[in-house]
Amino acid sequence: MSVEEKIPGDSEIKLELSKNSDDIEIETKTSFWNVFKWSMYDLANTIYSMVNCLIDY
């Protein structure tokens, strides 16, 4: 997994250091919420497809 450290102050940027490599990823609150919203959209579509499949039978 990765370790996240909060930057002191009112900054909206988190630094994430992966143990597998020395790469540093910068994640903003906007990118976090975009990923979260798309995953919720995908989950809703999956549930809809499952329910719709049950109604067709």
N, C-alpha and C. Protein backbone atom coordinates (compact mmCIF):
# COMPACT_ATOMS: atom_id res chain seq x y z
N MET A 1 0.84 -1.18 0.00
CA MET A 1 0.00 0.00 0.00
C MET A 1 0.88 1.24 0.00
N SER A 2 0.26 2.35 0.14
CA SER A 2 1.00 3.60 0.12
C SER A 2 0.75 4.37 1.41
N VAL A 3 1.63 5.30 1.66
CA VAL A 3 1.54 6.12 2.85
C VAL A 3 1.19 7.53 2.43
N GLU A 4 0.20 8.12 3.06
CA GLU A 4 -0.18 9.50 2.76
C GLU A 4 0.17 10.38 3.94
N GLU A 5 0.74 11.53 3.65
CA GLU A 5 1.07 12.49 4.68
C GLU A 5 0.38 13.80 4.37
N LYS A 6 -0.22 14.40 5.37
CA LYS A 6 -0.88 15.68 5.17
C LYS A 6 0.15 16.79 5.23
N ILE A 7 0.05 17.70 4.29
CA ILE A 7 0.94 18.85 4.25
C ILE A 7 0.41 19.90 5.22
N PRO A 8 1.28 20.44 6.07
CA PRO A 8 0.81 21.45 7.03
C PRO A 8 0.25 22.67 6.31
N GLY A 9 -0.75 23.29 6.91
CA GLY A 9 -1.35 24.48 6.33
C GLY A 9 -2.64 24.16 5.62
N ASP A 10 -3.11 25.10 4.84
CA ASP A 10 -4.39 24.96 4.14
C ASP A 10 -4.22 24.43 2.72
N SER A 11 -3.14 23.75 2.46
CA SER A 11 -2.90 23.25 1.11
C SER A 11 -3.85 22.12 0.77
N GLU A 12 -4.23 22.02 -0.50
CA GLU A 12 -5.15 20.98 -0.95
C GLU A 12 -4.41 19.83 -1.63
N ILE A 13 -3.10 19.78 -1.50
CA ILE A 13 -2.31 18.77 -2.20
C ILE A 13 -1.80 17.75 -1.19
N LYS A 14 -1.92 16.45 -1.55
CA LYS A 14 -1.39 15.38 -0.73
C LYS A 14 -0.25 14.74 -1.50
N LEU A 15 0.78 14.33 -0.79
CA LEU A 15 1.87 13.59 -1.42
C LEU A 15 1.72 12.13 -1.06
N GLU A 16 1.91 11.29 -2.03
CA GLU A 16 1.78 9.86 -1.80
C GLU A 16 3.05 9.18 -2.28
N LEU A 17 3.69 8.41 -1.39
CA LEU A 17 4.92 7.73 -1.72
C LEU A 17 4.66 6.24 -1.73
N SER A 18 4.92 5.61 -2.83
CA SER A 18 4.70 4.18 -2.99
C SER A 18 5.94 3.43 -2.55
N LYS A 19 5.77 2.30 -1.86
CA LYS A 19 6.91 1.51 -1.43
C LYS A 19 7.54 0.75 -2.58
N ASN A 20 6.79 0.52 -3.66
CA ASN A 20 7.30 -0.24 -4.80
C ASN A 20 8.25 0.57 -5.66
N SER A 21 8.12 1.86 -5.66
CA SER A 21 9.00 2.70 -6.48
C SER A 21 9.23 4.02 -5.75
N ASP A 22 10.07 4.82 -6.32
CA ASP A 22 10.40 6.11 -5.71
C ASP A 22 9.61 7.25 -6.32
N ASP A 23 8.52 6.93 -7.03
CA ASP A 23 7.70 7.96 -7.65
C ASP A 23 6.84 8.65 -6.61
N ILE A 24 6.65 9.93 -6.77
CA ILE A 24 5.76 10.71 -5.90
C ILE A 24 4.58 11.14 -6.74
N GLU A 25 3.38 10.83 -6.26
CA GLU A 25 2.16 11.23 -6.97
C GLU A 25 1.52 12.38 -6.22
N ILE A 26 1.07 13.38 -6.95
CA ILE A 26 0.38 14.51 -6.36
C ILE A 26 -1.10 14.36 -6.65
N GLU A 27 -1.90 14.35 -5.59
CA GLU A 27 -3.34 14.18 -5.75
C GLU A 27 -4.04 15.40 -5.15
N THR A 28 -4.84 16.06 -5.95
CA THR A 28 -5.59 17.20 -5.46
C THR A 28 -6.96 16.75 -4.99
N LYS A 29 -7.65 17.60 -4.26
CA LYS A 29 -9.00 17.27 -3.82
C LYS A 29 -9.92 17.08 -5.02
N THR A 30 -9.69 17.85 -6.09
CA THR A 30 -10.52 17.73 -7.29
C THR A 30 -10.34 16.36 -7.93
N SER A 31 -9.11 15.90 -8.06
CA SER A 31 -8.89 14.59 -8.68
C SER A 31 -9.46 13.48 -7.80
N PHE A 32 -9.35 13.62 -6.48
CA PHE A 32 -9.93 12.63 -5.58
C PHE A 32 -11.43 12.55 -5.76
N TRP A 33 -12.11 13.70 -5.79
CA TRP A 33 -13.57 13.71 -5.94
C TRP A 33 -13.99 13.23 -7.32
N ASN A 34 -13.21 13.51 -8.37
CA ASN A 34 -13.53 13.00 -9.70
C ASN A 34 -13.49 11.48 -9.72
N VAL A 35 -12.47 10.90 -9.13
CA VAL A 35 -12.37 9.44 -9.07
C VAL A 35 -13.51 8.87 -8.24
N PHE A 36 -13.82 9.51 -7.12
CA PHE A 36 -14.90 9.05 -6.26
C PHE A 36 -16.25 9.09 -6.98
N LYS A 37 -16.54 10.19 -7.66
CA LYS A 37 -17.82 10.34 -8.36
C LYS A 37 -17.94 9.35 -9.52
N TRP A 38 -16.85 9.12 -10.27
CA TRP A 38 -16.92 8.15 -11.36
C TRP A 38 -17.09 6.74 -10.83
N SER A 39 -16.48 6.43 -9.68
CA SER A 39 -16.67 5.09 -9.12
C SER A 39 -18.10 4.91 -8.63
N MET A 40 -18.71 5.94 -8.07
CA MET A 40 -20.12 5.86 -7.65
C MET A 40 -21.03 5.73 -8.87
N TYR A 41 -20.70 6.42 -9.96
CA TYR A 41 -21.46 6.31 -11.21
C TYR A 41 -21.39 4.88 -11.74
N ASP A 42 -20.19 4.31 -11.72
CA ASP A 42 -20.01 2.94 -12.19
C ASP A 42 -20.76 1.95 -11.31
N LEU A 43 -20.73 2.15 -10.00
CA LEU A 43 -21.47 1.29 -9.08
C LEU A 43 -22.97 1.38 -9.33
N ALA A 44 -23.48 2.59 -9.54
CA ALA A 44 -24.91 2.77 -9.80
C ALA A 44 -25.31 2.08 -11.10
N ASN A 45 -24.48 2.17 -12.13
CA ASN A 45 -24.77 1.49 -13.40
C ASN A 45 -24.76 -0.02 -13.23
N THR A 46 -23.84 -0.52 -12.42
CA THR A 46 -23.78 -1.96 -12.18
C THR A 46 -25.04 -2.44 -11.47
N ILE A 47 -25.46 -1.73 -10.45
CA ILE A 47 -26.68 -2.10 -9.72
C ILE A 47 -27.90 -2.00 -10.64
N TYR A 48 -27.97 -0.95 -11.43
CA TYR A 48 -29.08 -0.78 -12.36
C TYR A 48 -29.13 -1.95 -13.35
N SER A 49 -27.97 -2.33 -13.87
CA SER A 49 -27.93 -3.45 -14.82
C SER A 49 -28.39 -4.75 -14.17
N MET A 50 -28.00 -4.97 -12.93
CA MET A 50 -28.40 -6.19 -12.23
C MET A 50 -29.90 -6.21 -11.98
N VAL A 51 -30.47 -5.09 -11.56
CA VAL A 51 -31.90 -5.00 -11.30
C VAL A 51 -32.68 -5.11 -12.61
N ASN A 52 -32.19 -4.43 -13.64
CA ASN A 52 -32.85 -4.48 -14.94
C ASN A 52 -32.85 -5.90 -15.50
N CYS A 53 -31.80 -6.64 -15.27
CA CYS A 53 -31.70 -8.02 -15.73
C CYS A 53 -32.74 -8.88 -15.00
N LEU A 54 -32.96 -8.63 -13.72
CA LEU A 54 -33.94 -9.39 -12.95
C LEU A 54 -35.36 -9.09 -13.41
N ILE A 55 -35.61 -7.85 -13.81
CA ILE A 55 -36.96 -7.45 -14.24
C ILE A 55 -37.28 -8.08 -15.59
N ASP A 56 -36.28 -8.25 -16.45
CA ASP A 56 -36.50 -8.83 -17.78
C ASP A 56 -36.95 -10.28 -17.73
N TYR A 57 -36.60 -10.98 -16.65
CA TYR A 57 -36.98 -12.41 -16.57
C TYR A 57 -38.35 -12.61 -16.09
